[in-house]
C-alpha atoms as a PDB file:
ATOM      1  CA  MET A   1      -0.221  -0.018   0.005  1.00  0.00           C
ATOM      2  CA  ARG A   2       2.625   2.620   0.371  1.00  0.00           C
ATOM      3  CA  ARG A   3       4.192   2.205  -3.270  1.00  0.00           C
ATOM      4  CA  PRO A   4       0.359   4.592  -4.526  1.00  0.00           C
ATOM      5  CA  ALA A   5       1.363   6.930  -1.581  1.00  0.00           C
ATOM      6  CA  ARG A   6       4.820   7.524  -3.102  1.00  0.00           C
ATOM      7  CA  LYS A   7       3.671   7.837  -6.358  1.00  0.00           C
ATOM      8  CA  LEU A   8       0.952  10.278  -5.243  1.00  0.00           C
ATOM      9  CA  ARG A   9       3.921  12.041  -3.576  1.00  0.00           C
ATOM     10  CA  TRP A  10       5.937  12.230  -6.411  1.00  0.00           C
ATOM     11  CA  GLY A  11       3.229  13.466  -8.457  1.00  0.00           C
ATOM     12  CA  VAL A  12       2.107  16.367  -6.265  1.00  0.00           C
ATOM     13  CA  PHE A  13       5.986  17.097  -5.970  1.00  0.00           C
ATOM     14  CA  ALA A  14       6.425  16.929  -9.891  1.00  0.00           C
ATOM     15  CA  MET A  15       3.216  19.237  -9.745  1.00  0.00           C
ATOM     16  CA  CYS A  16       3.904  21.847  -7.532  1.00  0.00           C
ATOM     17  CA  THR A  17       7.662  22.228  -9.297  1.00  0.00           C
ATOM     18  CA  PHE A  18       6.630  22.520 -12.780  1.00  0.00           C
ATOM     19  CA  THR A  19       3.814  25.485 -11.531  1.00  0.00           C
ATOM     20  CA  LEU A  20       6.439  27.306  -9.705  1.00  0.00           C
ATOM     21  CA  ALA A  21       8.885  27.118 -12.160  1.00  0.00           C
ATOM     22  CA  LEU A  22       6.550  28.352 -15.096  1.00  0.00           C
ATOM     23  CA  GLY A  23       5.200  31.381 -12.490  1.00  0.00           C
ATOM     24  CA  LEU A  24       9.212  32.204 -12.482  1.00  0.00           C
ATOM     25  CA  ASP A  25       9.591  31.914 -15.784  1.00  0.00           C
ATOM     26  CA  SER A  26       6.094  34.309 -15.975  1.00  0.00           C
ATOM     27  CA  ALA A  27       7.467  36.301 -13.499  1.00  0.00           C
ATOM     28  CA  ARG A  28      11.034  36.962 -15.607  1.00  0.00           C
ATOM     29  CA  ALA A  29       8.885  38.067 -18.743  1.00  0.00           C
ATOM     30  CA  ILE A  30       6.943  40.129 -16.853  1.00  0.00           C
ATOM     31  CA  ALA A  31      10.069  41.940 -15.240  1.00  0.00           C
ATOM     32  CA  TRP A  32      11.298  43.024 -18.737  1.00  0.00           C
ATOM     33  CA  GLN A  33       9.104  45.584 -19.332  1.00  0.00           C
ATOM     34  CA  ASP A  34      10.083  48.778 -17.829  1.00  0.00           C
ATOM     35  CA  PRO A  35       6.983  50.088 -15.448  1.00  0.00           C
ATOM     36  CA  GLN A  36       7.901  54.068 -15.991  1.00  0.00           C
ATOM     37  CA  GLN A  37       7.746  53.302 -19.671  1.00  0.00           C
ATOM     38  CA  PRO A  38       4.858  52.823 -21.910  1.00  0.00           C
ATOM     39  CA  ASP A  39       4.356  50.223 -24.229  1.00  0.00           C
ATOM     40  CA  SER A  40       5.824  50.332 -27.313  1.00  0.00           C
ATOM     41  CA  TYR A  41       3.181  49.342 -29.404  1.00  0.00           C
ATOM     42  CA  ASN A  42       0.100  51.619 -30.060  1.00  0.00           C
ATOM     43  CA  SER A  43      -2.756  49.533 -28.950  1.00  0.00           C
ATOM     44  CA  ASN A  44      -5.007  50.403 -31.561  1.00  0.00           C
ATOM     45  CA  SER A  45      -2.781  49.417 -34.242  1.00  0.00           C
ATOM     46  CA  GLY A  46      -0.411  46.468 -32.939  1.00  0.00           C
ATOM     47  CA  VAL A  47       2.348  48.624 -35.064  1.00  0.00           C
ATOM     48  CA  PRO A  48       5.568  49.944 -33.015  1.00  0.00           C
ATOM     49  CA  ALA A  49       4.976  53.367 -32.188  1.00  0.00           C
ATOM     50  CA  GLN A  50       6.983  56.138 -33.367  1.00  0.00           C
ATOM     51  CA  LYS A  51       8.834  57.771 -31.276  1.00  0.00           C
ATOM     52  CA  PRO A  52       9.045  62.002 -31.867  1.00  0.00           C
ATOM     53  CA  ALA A  53      12.672  62.639 -33.858  1.00  0.00           C
ATOM     54  CA  LYS A  54      14.832  64.642 -30.979  1.00  0.00           C
ATOM     55  CA  SER A  55      15.604  67.918 -32.603  1.00  0.00           C
ATOM     56  CA  THR A  56      18.869  69.395 -32.930  1.00  0.00           C
ATOM     57  CA  PRO A  57      19.511  73.089 -32.673  1.00  0.00           C
ATOM     58  CA  THR A  58      19.952  74.701 -35.841  1.00  0.00           C
ATOM     59  CA  ALA A  59      22.897  76.448 -36.883  1.00  0.00           C
ATOM     60  CA  ALA A  60      20.766  80.454 -36.108  1.00  0.00           C
ATOM     61  CA  ASP A  61      19.952  78.819 -32.804  1.00  0.00           C
ATOM     62  CA  ARG A  62      23.529  78.219 -32.238  1.00  0.00           C
ATOM     63  CA  THR A  63      24.526  81.908 -33.278  1.00  0.00           C
ATOM     64  CA  MET A  64      21.678  83.367 -30.995  1.00  0.00           C
ATOM     65  CA  ASN A  65      23.277  80.928 -28.071  1.00  0.00           C
ATOM     66  CA  GLU A  66      26.526  81.937 -29.007  1.00  0.00           C
ATOM     67  CA  LYS A  67      25.585  86.076 -29.017  1.00  0.00           C
ATOM     68  CA  ILE A  68      23.911  85.903 -25.630  1.00  0.00           C
ATOM     69  CA  ARG A  69      27.069  84.100 -24.156  1.00  0.00           C
ATOM     70  CA  LYS A  70      29.293  86.585 -25.337  1.00  0.00           C
ATOM     71  CA  ALA A  71      27.041  88.956 -23.593  1.00  0.00           C
ATOM     72  CA  ILE A  72      26.554  87.302 -20.351  1.00  0.00           C
ATOM     73  CA  ALA A  73      30.566  86.985 -20.450  1.00  0.00           C
ATOM     74  CA  ALA A  74      31.729  90.419 -21.224  1.00  0.00           C
ATOM     75  CA  ASP A  75      29.489  91.951 -18.265  1.00  0.00           C
ATOM     76  CA  LYS A  76      32.329  91.828 -15.695  1.00  0.00           C
ATOM     77  CA  SER A  77      29.709  93.274 -12.855  1.00  0.00           C
ATOM     78  CA  LEU A  78      28.642  89.560 -13.041  1.00  0.00           C
ATOM     79  CA  SER A  79      29.361  87.094 -10.364  1.00  0.00           C
ATOM     80  CA  ALA A  80      31.577  83.812 -11.323  1.00  0.00           C
ATOM     81  CA  GLU A  81      27.955  82.526 -10.616  1.00  0.00           C
ATOM     82  CA  GLY A  82      25.985  84.652 -12.741  1.00  0.00           C
ATOM     83  CA  ARG A  83      28.412  83.828 -15.423  1.00  0.00           C
ATOM     84  CA  ARG A  84      27.969  80.075 -15.242  1.00  0.00           C
ATOM     85  CA  VAL A  85      24.267  80.516 -16.322  1.00  0.00           C
ATOM     86  CA  LYS A  86      23.323  77.724 -18.494  1.00  0.00           C
ATOM     87  CA  VAL A  87      21.998  79.283 -22.012  1.00  0.00           C
ATOM     88  CA  SER A  88      20.108  76.613 -24.683  1.00  0.00           C
ATOM     89  CA  THR A  89      18.070  77.916 -27.754  1.00  0.00           C
ATOM     90  CA  GLN A  90      15.704  75.361 -29.697  1.00  0.00           C
ATOM     91  CA  GLY A  91      13.811  76.679 -32.556  1.00  0.00           C
ATOM     92  CA  GLY A  92      14.608  80.498 -31.679  1.00  0.00           C
ATOM     93  CA  LYS A  93      13.544  79.748 -28.071  1.00  0.00           C
ATOM     94  CA  VAL A  94      16.123  80.503 -25.366  1.00  0.00           C
ATOM     95  CA  THR A  95      16.270  78.997 -21.929  1.00  0.00           C
ATOM     96  CA  LEU A  96      17.950  79.951 -19.198  1.00  0.00           C
ATOM     97  CA  GLN A  97      18.813  77.862 -16.193  1.00  0.00           C
ATOM     98  CA  GLY A  98      21.196  78.067 -12.931  1.00  0.00           C
ATOM     99  CA  THR A  99      21.857  80.301  -9.424  1.00  0.00           C
ATOM    100  CA  VAL A 100      22.292  83.478  -9.115  1.00  0.00           C
ATOM    101  CA  GLY A 101      23.333  85.797  -6.301  1.00  0.00           C
ATOM    102  CA  SER A 102      20.437  88.699  -6.521  1.00  0.00           C
ATOM    103  CA  GLN A 103      17.726  90.101  -8.267  1.00  0.00           C
ATOM    104  CA  ALA A 104      19.198  92.252 -10.108  1.00  0.00           C
ATOM    105  CA  GLU A 105      21.847  90.088 -11.301  1.00  0.00           C
ATOM    106  CA  ARG A 106      19.044  87.854 -12.695  1.00  0.00           C
ATOM    107  CA  THR A 107      17.331  90.358 -14.304  1.00  0.00           C
ATOM    108  CA  SER A 108      20.591  91.684 -15.574  1.00  0.00           C
ATOM    109  CA  ILE A 109      20.990  88.476 -17.952  1.00  0.00           C
ATOM    110  CA  PHE A 110      17.660  87.933 -18.754  1.00  0.00           C
ATOM    111  CA  THR A 111      17.691  91.504 -20.286  1.00  0.00           C
ATOM    112  CA  LYS A 112      21.151  90.276 -21.967  1.00  0.00           C
ATOM    113  CA  ALA A 113      18.975  87.871 -23.533  1.00  0.00           C
ATOM    114  CA  ALA A 114      16.305  89.637 -24.157  1.00  0.00           C
ATOM    115  CA  ASP A 115      18.266  91.818 -26.071  1.00  0.00           C
ATOM    116  CA  VAL A 116      19.202  89.099 -28.623  1.00  0.00           C
ATOM    117  CA  ALA A 117      16.353  86.714 -28.983  1.00  0.00           C
ATOM    118  CA  GLY A 118      13.454  89.298 -28.380  1.00  0.00           C
ATOM    119  CA  GLY A 119      11.402  89.261 -24.757  1.00  0.00           C
ATOM    120  CA  THR A 120       8.888  87.048 -25.589  1.00  0.00           C
ATOM    121  CA  ASN A 121      11.480  84.412 -26.804  1.00  0.00           C
ATOM    122  CA  VAL A 122      13.296  84.349 -23.425  1.00  0.00           C
ATOM    123  CA  VAL A 123      11.697  81.919 -21.038  1.00  0.00           C
ATOM    124  CA  ASN A 124      13.522  82.903 -17.478  1.00  0.00           C
ATOM    125  CA  ASN A 125      14.058  79.781 -15.199  1.00  0.00           C
ATOM    126  CA  ILE A 126      17.479  81.344 -13.061  1.00  0.00           C
ATOM    127  CA  ALA A 127      16.903  81.267  -9.155  1.00  0.00           C
ATOM    128  CA  VAL A 128      17.906  83.623  -6.969  1.00  0.00           C
ATOM    129  CA  SER A 129      19.813  81.792  -4.545  1.00  0.00           C
ATOM    130  CA  THR A 130      19.462  82.837  -0.402  1.00  0.00           C
ATOM    131  CA  GLN A 131      22.333  81.767   0.484  1.00  0.00           C
ATOM    132  CA  HIS A 132      25.406  84.500   1.062  1.00  0.00           C
END
């Protein structure tokens, strides 16, 4: 009578092992999908979604960026912190980023960029530092 019980135990053991192996494979398959990234397929068509092309600055953008950087570098009243402000230009729109020591310095840098690009084409993301 022991033989059927032993066969039954081995059968249950094999079935549990098989089920566990399947569960691990499906968990591994799920882990390949980055939860922060959307699916790469358009759910309506089954065709991979097209990612927007990364636009690169044009020659006009680079020229405008250079003029603004030179204007900032030429102003000796700006602090070293002010001269390190990041200037990026894309499609004629200028973005200023960084930290400066005073509101006057922030305004001065913005004015220099606005003189080159036009006031409505400049986004001023410069922060004023509270530490002195």
